[in-house]
Protein backbone atom coordinates (compact mmCIF):
# COMPACT_ATOMS: atom_id res chain seq x y z
CA MET A 1 24.12 25.22 94.09
CA ASP A 2 21.45 27.39 92.65
CA ALA A 3 22.07 31.16 92.14
CA PHE A 4 19.47 31.79 95.17
CA THR A 5 22.09 30.71 97.69
CA ALA A 6 24.82 31.71 96.07
CA GLY A 7 24.18 34.80 96.13
CA LEU A 8 22.81 34.98 99.36
CA LEU A 9 26.15 33.56 101.22
CA GLN A 10 28.02 36.13 98.95
CA ARG A 11 26.32 39.10 100.49
CA ILE A 12 26.15 37.21 103.98
CA LYS A 13 30.72 37.14 103.19
CA ALA A 14 30.72 40.33 102.26
CA THR A 15 28.65 41.63 105.08
CA GLU A 16 30.17 40.24 107.47
CA SER A 17 33.44 41.76 105.86
CA ASP A 18 31.79 45.45 106.10
CA LEU A 19 30.84 44.39 109.75
CA THR A 20 34.54 43.78 110.65
CA ARG A 21 35.95 46.57 109.11
CA ALA A 22 33.55 49.01 110.53
CA ARG A 23 34.56 47.20 114.24
CA ASP A 24 37.66 47.85 113.32
CA GLU A 25 37.30 51.53 112.67
CA GLY A 26 35.29 52.54 115.49
CA ASP A 27 32.45 53.56 113.60
CA ASP A 28 29.69 52.48 115.73
CA PHE A 29 27.04 53.92 113.87
CA LEU A 30 27.97 51.65 111.17
CA VAL A 31 28.46 49.05 112.74
CA GLU A 32 24.97 48.59 114.55
CA VAL A 33 23.94 49.17 110.44
CA GLU A 34 25.79 46.03 108.96
CA GLN A 35 25.15 43.71 112.35
CA ALA A 36 21.21 44.27 111.45
CA GLU A 37 22.15 43.51 108.10
CA LEU A 38 23.70 40.33 108.85
CA ASP A 39 21.25 39.48 111.22
CA ASP A 40 18.31 40.24 108.41
CA LEU A 41 20.68 37.85 105.98
CA ARG A 42 20.90 35.30 108.52
CA ARG A 43 17.19 34.90 108.99
CA LEU A 44 16.52 35.12 105.99
CA ALA A 45 19.04 31.68 105.26
CA ALA A 46 17.38 30.03 107.82
CA GLU A 47 14.20 30.54 106.41
CA HIS A 48 14.88 29.18 102.61
CA GLY A 49 17.37 26.36 104.82
CA VAL A 50 20.80 27.79 103.59
CA GLU A 51 23.44 26.45 105.66
CA VAL A 52 25.34 29.59 106.51
CA GLY A 53 28.36 27.85 108.50
CA ALA A 54 30.66 29.20 111.35
CA SER A 55 30.71 32.47 111.48
CA ARG A 56 34.20 34.58 111.36
CA VAL A 57 32.46 37.89 113.26
């Protein structure tokens, strides 16, 4: 796995965790921010052929 792929997957995992925490805390604004970030990261992964796998979120 190259550095780009590893970094992207790490960012996705961290963002999923942040999204879960925002949902648990009831922070609707932060949920929207984190969901948008996650959508962007997943789009970037798809554009570069990086398989993300099943999402926990």
